[in-house]
Amino acid sequence: MQIIISTHQGNLYNDKVDYLVVHSVKDGEFACMENHVPVISVIDEGFVKLVRDKDEFYVVIVSGVFQFHDNVGTVLCQEAHIGKTVESAKKHLEMIRKERLEQNKKDTVDFTQKEKELREHIRNSGAGSL
């Protein structure tokens, strides 16, 4: 069976697996194997465990939707990160989110400073005065 995990930045994972387990903090967990009945589920915050041969991977999901139909599982989510364990994936996702938040704060401060400078330049230029 195929599993595709996508965020707004593109596909994070697209490969064949033996089975998968969907875990949502709000709704619990369930497994899908080949020829499973079609299902749709919301993953508010949770993970998808992917099993292929003896390998296990975990994809931590934030704000996602899972759909399974015709042996293809699809996850569309706001954010996701893959790891060998749930803890490592969560830790890395938290680090990425923290860095992004810091960058957003910096960008906001820079924008505010540039706006202040622009107003000062307009005032000093005498624009609008006759």
C-alpha atoms as a PDB file:
ATOM      1  CA  MET A   1       0.000   0.000   0.000  1.00  0.00           C
ATOM      2  CA  GLN A   2       1.078   3.568  -0.662  1.00  0.00           C
ATOM      3  CA  ILE A   3       1.299   6.440   1.857  1.00  0.00           C
ATOM      4  CA  ILE A   4       1.632  10.102   0.910  1.00  0.00           C
ATOM      5  CA  ILE A   5       2.216  12.768   3.554  1.00  0.00           C
ATOM      6  CA  SER A   6       2.051  16.383   2.368  1.00  0.00           C
ATOM      7  CA  THR A   7       2.350  19.828   3.894  1.00  0.00           C
ATOM      8  CA  HIS A   8       1.954  23.205   2.200  1.00  0.00           C
ATOM      9  CA  GLN A   9       5.669  22.965   1.374  1.00  0.00           C
ATOM     10  CA  GLY A  10       5.238  19.734  -0.620  1.00  0.00           C
ATOM     11  CA  ASN A  11       5.461  15.979  -0.098  1.00  0.00           C
ATOM     12  CA  LEU A  12       7.277  14.912   3.052  1.00  0.00           C
ATOM     13  CA  TYR A  13       6.915  11.177   2.426  1.00  0.00           C
ATOM     14  CA  ASN A  14       5.690   9.128  -0.544  1.00  0.00           C
ATOM     15  CA  ASP A  15       6.472   5.403  -0.476  1.00  0.00           C
ATOM     16  CA  LYS A  16       5.079   1.916   0.013  1.00  0.00           C
ATOM     17  CA  VAL A  17       4.509   0.498   3.526  1.00  0.00           C
ATOM     18  CA  ASP A  18       3.228  -2.789   4.911  1.00  0.00           C
ATOM     19  CA  TYR A  19       0.805  -1.062   7.280  1.00  0.00           C
ATOM     20  CA  LEU A  20       0.344   2.156   9.206  1.00  0.00           C
ATOM     21  CA  VAL A  21      -1.080   3.271  12.523  1.00  0.00           C
ATOM     22  CA  VAL A  22      -2.791   6.654  12.857  1.00  0.00           C
ATOM     23  CA  HIS A  23      -2.705   8.184  16.343  1.00  0.00           C
ATOM     24  CA  SER A  24      -4.650  11.306  17.250  1.00  0.00           C
ATOM     25  CA  VAL A  25      -4.550  12.813  20.738  1.00  0.00           C
ATOM     26  CA  LYS A  26      -8.260  13.569  20.496  1.00  0.00           C
ATOM     27  CA  ASP A  27      -9.599  10.396  18.797  1.00  0.00           C
ATOM     28  CA  GLY A  28      -7.186   7.586  19.751  1.00  0.00           C
ATOM     29  CA  GLU A  29      -5.590   5.295  17.205  1.00  0.00           C
ATOM     30  CA  PHE A  30      -6.357   2.788  14.485  1.00  0.00           C
ATOM     31  CA  ALA A  31      -4.369   0.758  11.974  1.00  0.00           C
ATOM     32  CA  CYS A  32      -4.757   0.409   8.205  1.00  0.00           C
ATOM     33  CA  MET A  33      -3.500  -2.571   6.248  1.00  0.00           C
ATOM     34  CA  GLU A  34      -3.807  -3.434   2.584  1.00  0.00           C
ATOM     35  CA  ASN A  35      -7.440  -3.594   1.353  1.00  0.00           C
ATOM     36  CA  HIS A  36      -8.717  -1.717   4.429  1.00  0.00           C
ATOM     37  CA  VAL A  37     -12.142  -0.112   4.069  1.00  0.00           C
ATOM     38  CA  PRO A  38     -12.091   3.582   3.076  1.00  0.00           C
ATOM     39  CA  VAL A  39     -11.702   5.917   6.038  1.00  0.00           C
ATOM     40  CA  ILE A  40     -11.276   9.630   6.734  1.00  0.00           C
ATOM     41  CA  SER A  41     -10.020  10.976  10.055  1.00  0.00           C
ATOM     42  CA  VAL A  42      -8.864  14.274  11.547  1.00  0.00           C
ATOM     43  CA  ILE A  43      -5.450  14.335  13.205  1.00  0.00           C
ATOM     44  CA  ASP A  44      -5.526  17.422  15.421  1.00  0.00           C
ATOM     45  CA  GLU A  45      -2.181  16.569  16.967  1.00  0.00           C
ATOM     46  CA  GLY A  46      -0.645  13.122  16.763  1.00  0.00           C
ATOM     47  CA  PHE A  47       1.449  10.864  14.591  1.00  0.00           C
ATOM     48  CA  VAL A  48       1.390   8.225  11.893  1.00  0.00           C
ATOM     49  CA  LYS A  49       3.503   5.121  12.476  1.00  0.00           C
ATOM     50  CA  LEU A  50       4.771   3.654   9.183  1.00  0.00           C
ATOM     51  CA  VAL A  51       5.941   0.031   9.085  1.00  0.00           C
ATOM     52  CA  ARG A  52       7.851  -1.437   6.151  1.00  0.00           C
ATOM     53  CA  ASP A  53       9.556  -4.818   6.582  1.00  0.00           C
ATOM     54  CA  LYS A  54      11.202  -4.489  10.007  1.00  0.00           C
ATOM     55  CA  ASP A  55      11.642  -0.716   9.824  1.00  0.00           C
ATOM     56  CA  GLU A  56       9.406   1.694  11.721  1.00  0.00           C
ATOM     57  CA  PHE A  57       9.153   5.442  11.124  1.00  0.00           C
ATOM     58  CA  TYR A  58       7.033   8.013  12.897  1.00  0.00           C
ATOM     59  CA  VAL A  59       5.636  11.157  11.346  1.00  0.00           C
ATOM     60  CA  VAL A  60       4.468  13.739  13.881  1.00  0.00           C
ATOM     61  CA  ILE A  61       1.426  15.595  12.535  1.00  0.00           C
ATOM     62  CA  VAL A  62      -0.025  18.989  13.471  1.00  0.00           C
ATOM     63  CA  SER A  63      -3.502  19.875  12.150  1.00  0.00           C
ATOM     64  CA  GLY A  64      -4.012  17.197   9.538  1.00  0.00           C
ATOM     65  CA  VAL A  65      -6.529  15.009   7.749  1.00  0.00           C
ATOM     66  CA  PHE A  66      -5.988  11.330   6.945  1.00  0.00           C
ATOM     67  CA  GLN A  67      -7.750   9.534   4.102  1.00  0.00           C
ATOM     68  CA  PHE A  68      -7.438   5.891   3.052  1.00  0.00           C
ATOM     69  CA  HIS A  69      -8.952   4.690  -0.224  1.00  0.00           C
ATOM     70  CA  ASP A  70      -7.899   2.085  -2.849  1.00  0.00           C
ATOM     71  CA  ASN A  71      -4.781   1.114  -0.850  1.00  0.00           C
ATOM     72  CA  VAL A  72      -3.493   4.688  -0.778  1.00  0.00           C
ATOM     73  CA  GLY A  73      -3.234   6.570   2.506  1.00  0.00           C
ATOM     74  CA  THR A  74      -2.992  10.334   2.239  1.00  0.00           C
ATOM     75  CA  VAL A  75      -2.215  12.825   5.007  1.00  0.00           C
ATOM     76  CA  LEU A  76      -2.626  16.545   4.344  1.00  0.00           C
ATOM     77  CA  CYS A  77      -1.354  18.598   7.250  1.00  0.00           C
ATOM     78  CA  GLN A  78      -0.174  21.979   8.363  1.00  0.00           C
ATOM     79  CA  GLU A  79       3.134  20.696   9.742  1.00  0.00           C
ATOM     80  CA  ALA A  80       4.878  17.331   9.959  1.00  0.00           C
ATOM     81  CA  HIS A  81       8.261  15.835  10.695  1.00  0.00           C
ATOM     82  CA  ILE A  82       9.579  12.281  10.312  1.00  0.00           C
ATOM     83  CA  GLY A  83      11.793  10.416  12.775  1.00  0.00           C
ATOM     84  CA  LYS A  84      12.816   6.980  14.013  1.00  0.00           C
ATOM     85  CA  THR A  85      10.862   7.547  17.257  1.00  0.00           C
ATOM     86  CA  VAL A  86       7.894   9.720  18.179  1.00  0.00           C
ATOM     87  CA  GLU A  87      10.027  11.607  20.695  1.00  0.00           C
ATOM     88  CA  SER A  88      12.811  12.441  18.219  1.00  0.00           C
ATOM     89  CA  ALA A  89      10.305  13.600  15.599  1.00  0.00           C
ATOM     90  CA  LYS A  90       8.458  15.767  18.157  1.00  0.00           C
ATOM     91  CA  LYS A  91      11.702  17.242  19.457  1.00  0.00           C
ATOM     92  CA  HIS A  92      12.891  18.198  15.985  1.00  0.00           C
ATOM     93  CA  LEU A  93       9.487  19.638  15.031  1.00  0.00           C
ATOM     94  CA  GLU A  94       9.451  21.722  18.234  1.00  0.00           C
ATOM     95  CA  MET A  95      12.940  23.023  17.414  1.00  0.00           C
ATOM     96  CA  ILE A  96      11.887  23.988  13.880  1.00  0.00           C
ATOM     97  CA  ARG A  97       8.747  25.730  15.166  1.00  0.00           C
ATOM     98  CA  LYS A  98      10.789  27.633  17.794  1.00  0.00           C
ATOM     99  CA  GLU A  99      13.299  28.800  15.160  1.00  0.00           C
ATOM    100  CA  ARG A 100      10.459  29.885  12.865  1.00  0.00           C
ATOM    101  CA  LEU A 101       8.793  31.819  15.712  1.00  0.00           C
ATOM    102  CA  GLU A 102      12.060  33.607  16.514  1.00  0.00           C
ATOM    103  CA  GLN A 103      12.542  34.495  12.842  1.00  0.00           C
ATOM    104  CA  ASN A 104       8.961  35.804  12.631  1.00  0.00           C
ATOM    105  CA  LYS A 105       9.569  37.989  15.702  1.00  0.00           C
ATOM    106  CA  LYS A 106      12.769  39.332  14.138  1.00  0.00           C
ATOM    107  CA  ASP A 107      11.035  39.982  10.804  1.00  0.00           C
ATOM    108  CA  THR A 108       8.217  41.819  12.581  1.00  0.00           C
ATOM    109  CA  VAL A 109      10.689  44.024  14.441  1.00  0.00           C
ATOM    110  CA  ASP A 110      12.588  44.734  11.210  1.00  0.00           C
ATOM    111  CA  PHE A 111       9.327  45.626   9.424  1.00  0.00           C
ATOM    112  CA  THR A 112       8.301  47.975  12.230  1.00  0.00           C
ATOM    113  CA  GLN A 113      11.705  49.699  12.123  1.00  0.00           C
ATOM    114  CA  LYS A 114      11.565  50.079   8.321  1.00  0.00           C
ATOM    115  CA  GLU A 115       8.072  51.543   8.521  1.00  0.00           C
ATOM    116  CA  LYS A 116       9.271  54.066  11.107  1.00  0.00           C
ATOM    117  CA  GLU A 117      12.233  55.026   8.886  1.00  0.00           C
ATOM    118  CA  LEU A 118       9.954  55.437   5.857  1.00  0.00           C
ATOM    119  CA  ARG A 119       7.638  57.804   7.746  1.00  0.00           C
ATOM    120  CA  GLU A 120      10.639  59.833   8.886  1.00  0.00           C
ATOM    121  CA  HIS A 121      11.974  60.098   5.303  1.00  0.00           C
ATOM    122  CA  ILE A 122       8.568  61.190   4.007  1.00  0.00           C
ATOM    123  CA  ARG A 123       8.284  63.826   6.736  1.00  0.00           C
ATOM    124  CA  ASN A 124      11.852  65.119   6.067  1.00  0.00           C
ATOM    125  CA  SER A 125      11.353  65.225   2.300  1.00  0.00           C
ATOM    126  CA  GLY A 126       8.468  67.646   2.642  1.00  0.00           C
ATOM    127  CA  ALA A 127       6.304  65.470   0.418  1.00  0.00           C
ATOM    128  CA  GLY A 128       2.782  66.787   0.273  1.00  0.00           C
ATOM    129  CA  SER A 129       3.830  70.339   1.141  1.00  0.00           C
ATOM    130  CA  LEU A 130       3.287  73.160  -1.333  1.00  0.00           C
END
